[in-house]
Amino acid sequence: MPALPNLILIGPMGAGKSTIGRLLAAELSREFLDSDHEIQARCGADIPWIFDVEGEAGFRDRETQMIRELARLDNVVIATGGGAVLREENRRVLRDCGTVVYLYTTVEQQLRRTAKDRNRPLLQRDDREQVLREMFVQRDPLYRATADIIVRTDRRGPRAVVNEIVRRVQRLIDPLQCKA
């Protein structure tokens, strides 16, 4: 069987990219890298602080640079921030560096998963549901256009999602594999 390519997880905040990414990397004996965590480690500051000081555009510049760096690595699982797909350059780099998996989830599930999270600058408002719905309308088509595989994550355990990703990626690289 051919080796699996790098796996890149995209999707909205609260879809489970970090949790699923860590499990997927462990399952495949690979390194897991989260672009948001890498940005924070490099800057020595958290994302809300970067947003406050540099604005969203400054953060997106850092994100693009980090995606370029991570794309040069081999044998990794990468989780991106929810807005990484907003820039065409990022979408192109992600598509070129591995198999892209869109972790799809509903706005309702996002609201539940992010309810107590204070580390998401775009959600520090009273109209969180409206913000998530607007982001979904803007970003869902970009996630779909970038992804090789779409996997639904709401109402499913992370282990079930990981197993589905591995099975579907293996079918992509070996189409003759039994589909049973």
Protein backbone atom coordinates (compact mmCIF):
# COMPACT_ATOMS: atom_id res chain seq x y z
CA MET A 1 0.00 0.00 0.00
CA PRO A 2 1.33 3.51 -0.83
CA ALA A 3 2.33 5.77 2.07
CA LEU A 4 -0.24 8.22 3.32
CA PRO A 5 0.40 11.87 2.44
CA ASN A 6 0.47 14.71 4.95
CA LEU A 7 -3.03 15.22 6.34
CA ILE A 8 -4.33 18.76 6.76
CA LEU A 9 -7.46 19.41 8.81
CA ILE A 10 -9.57 22.45 7.97
CA GLY A 11 -12.95 23.56 9.23
CA PRO A 12 -14.65 26.02 11.54
CA MET A 13 -13.78 26.64 15.16
CA GLY A 14 -15.26 23.93 17.32
CA ALA A 15 -15.16 21.27 14.60
CA GLY A 16 -12.55 19.29 16.55
CA LYS A 17 -9.46 19.94 14.43
CA SER A 18 -7.03 19.91 17.37
CA THR A 19 -8.58 16.97 19.22
CA ILE A 20 -9.00 14.86 16.10
CA GLY A 21 -5.60 15.94 14.76
CA ARG A 22 -3.80 14.73 17.90
CA LEU A 23 -5.60 11.37 17.79
CA LEU A 24 -5.03 11.01 14.05
CA ALA A 25 -1.32 11.75 14.41
CA ALA A 26 -1.01 9.18 17.22
CA GLU A 27 -2.89 6.59 15.13
CA LEU A 28 -0.51 7.15 12.21
CA SER A 29 2.67 7.61 14.31
CA ARG A 30 3.13 11.14 13.01
CA GLU A 31 3.88 14.52 14.45
CA PHE A 32 0.86 16.75 15.07
CA LEU A 33 1.12 20.47 14.43
CA ASP A 34 -1.58 23.06 15.08
CA SER A 35 -0.94 26.27 13.12
CA ASP A 36 -2.56 28.45 15.80
CA HIS A 37 -0.45 26.89 18.57
CA GLU A 38 2.69 27.25 16.46
CA ILE A 39 1.93 30.95 15.91
CA GLN A 40 1.44 31.46 19.65
CA ALA A 41 4.67 29.64 20.47
CA ARG A 42 6.61 31.67 17.92
CA CYS A 43 5.15 35.00 19.09
CA GLY A 44 5.13 34.29 22.79
CA ALA A 45 1.60 35.68 22.85
CA ASP A 46 -1.90 34.25 22.58
CA ILE A 47 -4.15 34.82 19.59
CA PRO A 48 -6.48 37.34 21.30
CA TRP A 49 -3.42 39.49 22.08
CA ILE A 50 -2.20 39.26 18.47
CA PHE A 51 -5.68 40.30 17.26
CA ASP A 52 -5.72 43.22 19.72
CA VAL A 53 -2.28 44.50 18.74
CA GLU A 54 -2.06 43.64 15.03
CA GLY A 55 -5.71 43.24 14.07
CA GLU A 56 -7.12 40.34 12.10
CA ALA A 57 -5.01 41.26 9.03
CA GLY A 58 -1.79 41.04 11.07
CA PHE A 59 -2.81 37.67 12.44
CA ARG A 60 -3.70 36.42 8.94
CA ASP A 61 -0.23 37.44 7.70
CA ARG A 62 1.35 35.38 10.49
CA GLU A 63 -1.00 32.50 9.68
CA THR A 64 -0.01 32.51 5.99
CA GLN A 65 3.68 32.44 6.89
CA MET A 66 3.11 29.56 9.33
CA ILE A 67 1.13 27.56 6.76
CA ARG A 68 3.99 27.99 4.27
CA GLU A 69 6.45 26.68 6.86
CA LEU A 70 4.33 23.72 7.93
CA ALA A 71 3.66 22.78 4.31
CA ARG A 72 7.38 22.09 3.82
CA LEU A 73 7.33 19.28 6.39
CA ASP A 74 6.77 15.60 5.65
CA ASN A 75 4.85 12.88 7.46
CA VAL A 76 2.75 15.25 9.60
CA VAL A 77 -0.84 15.96 10.56
CA ILE A 78 -1.62 19.69 10.50
CA ALA A 79 -4.64 21.46 12.02
CA THR A 80 -5.29 24.94 10.69
CA GLY A 81 -7.21 27.82 12.20
CA GLY A 82 -10.81 28.21 11.06
CA GLY A 83 -10.02 31.27 8.93
CA ALA A 84 -6.98 29.84 7.15
CA VAL A 85 -9.05 29.26 4.00
CA LEU A 86 -9.89 32.95 3.63
CA ARG A 87 -6.73 33.57 1.60
CA GLU A 88 -6.35 31.95 -1.81
CA GLU A 89 -2.61 31.50 -1.20
CA ASN A 90 -3.34 29.41 1.90
CA ARG A 91 -5.90 27.27 0.07
CA ARG A 92 -3.39 26.61 -2.74
CA VAL A 93 -0.55 25.75 -0.34
CA LEU A 94 -2.78 23.42 1.68
CA ARG A 95 -4.00 21.59 -1.43
CA ASP A 96 -0.42 21.24 -2.69
CA CYS A 97 1.10 19.86 0.53
CA GLY A 98 -1.15 16.90 1.29
CA THR A 99 -4.65 15.54 1.60
CA VAL A 100 -7.06 18.14 2.96
CA VAL A 101 -9.87 16.98 5.23
CA TYR A 102 -12.77 19.33 5.96
CA LEU A 103 -14.16 18.60 9.41
CA TYR A 104 -17.75 19.73 8.91
CA THR A 105 -19.94 20.63 11.86
CA THR A 106 -23.14 22.58 12.37
CA VAL A 107 -23.36 26.06 13.87
CA GLU A 108 -25.36 24.56 16.76
CA GLN A 109 -22.50 22.19 17.55
CA GLN A 110 -19.99 25.05 17.28
CA LEU A 111 -22.01 27.06 19.81
CA ARG A 112 -21.95 24.14 22.26
CA ARG A 113 -18.25 23.45 21.82
CA THR A 114 -17.13 27.09 22.07
CA ALA A 115 -19.56 28.26 24.77
CA LYS A 116 -16.93 28.79 27.47
CA ASP A 117 -13.90 29.40 25.26
CA ARG A 118 -12.44 32.90 25.75
CA ASN A 119 -9.52 32.32 23.37
CA ARG A 120 -11.51 33.01 20.19
CA PRO A 121 -11.37 36.74 19.40
CA LEU A 122 -14.06 36.65 16.72
CA LEU A 123 -16.57 35.24 19.22
CA GLN A 124 -16.10 37.75 22.02
CA ARG A 125 -19.46 39.36 21.24
CA ASP A 126 -23.04 39.01 22.39
CA ASP A 127 -24.27 37.81 18.97
CA ARG A 128 -22.06 34.70 18.80
CA GLU A 129 -24.63 32.63 16.90
CA GLN A 130 -25.03 35.31 14.23
CA VAL A 131 -21.24 35.61 13.89
CA LEU A 132 -20.91 31.83 13.44
CA ARG A 133 -23.72 31.75 10.87
CA GLU A 134 -22.11 34.55 8.85
CA MET A 135 -18.72 32.81 8.98
CA PHE A 136 -20.37 29.55 7.88
CA VAL A 137 -21.96 31.22 4.83
CA GLN A 138 -18.62 32.79 3.86
CA ARG A 139 -16.28 29.90 4.68
CA ASP A 140 -18.18 26.67 3.96
CA PRO A 141 -17.78 27.05 0.16
CA LEU A 142 -14.04 27.71 0.66
CA TYR A 143 -13.61 24.64 2.88
CA ARG A 144 -15.44 22.52 0.32
CA ALA A 145 -13.39 23.87 -2.59
CA THR A 146 -10.14 23.16 -0.72
CA ALA A 147 -10.96 19.72 0.70
CA ASP A 148 -10.24 16.32 -0.78
CA ILE A 149 -12.51 14.71 1.83
CA ILE A 150 -15.41 16.03 3.91
CA VAL A 151 -16.10 14.34 7.26
CA ARG A 152 -18.99 15.29 9.53
CA THR A 153 -17.94 15.61 13.20
CA ASP A 154 -21.06 16.61 15.11
CA ARG A 155 -22.64 13.97 17.33
CA ARG A 156 -19.68 11.65 16.76
CA GLY A 157 -16.81 10.70 19.00
CA PRO A 158 -13.31 11.74 17.93
CA ARG A 159 -12.16 8.11 17.56
CA ALA A 160 -14.96 7.36 15.05
CA VAL A 161 -13.99 10.46 13.04
CA VAL A 162 -10.31 9.42 13.05
CA ASN A 163 -11.19 5.92 11.83
CA GLU A 164 -13.29 7.36 9.00
CA ILE A 165 -10.50 9.74 7.94
CA VAL A 166 -7.91 6.94 7.81
CA ARG A 167 -10.27 4.68 5.84
CA ARG A 168 -11.19 7.40 3.33
CA VAL A 169 -7.62 8.63 2.82
CA GLN A 170 -6.47 5.07 2.17
CA ARG A 171 -9.18 4.73 -0.49
CA LEU A 172 -8.02 7.97 -2.12
CA ILE A 173 -4.46 6.75 -2.50
CA ASP A 174 -5.38 3.15 -3.30
CA PRO A 175 -8.67 3.19 -5.25
CA LEU A 176 -8.52 -0.57 -5.78
CA GLN A 177 -8.81 -1.16 -2.04
CA CYS A 178 -11.94 -3.09 -1.10
CA LYS A 179 -14.73 -0.72 -0.16
CA ALA A 180 -16.36 -3.17 2.26
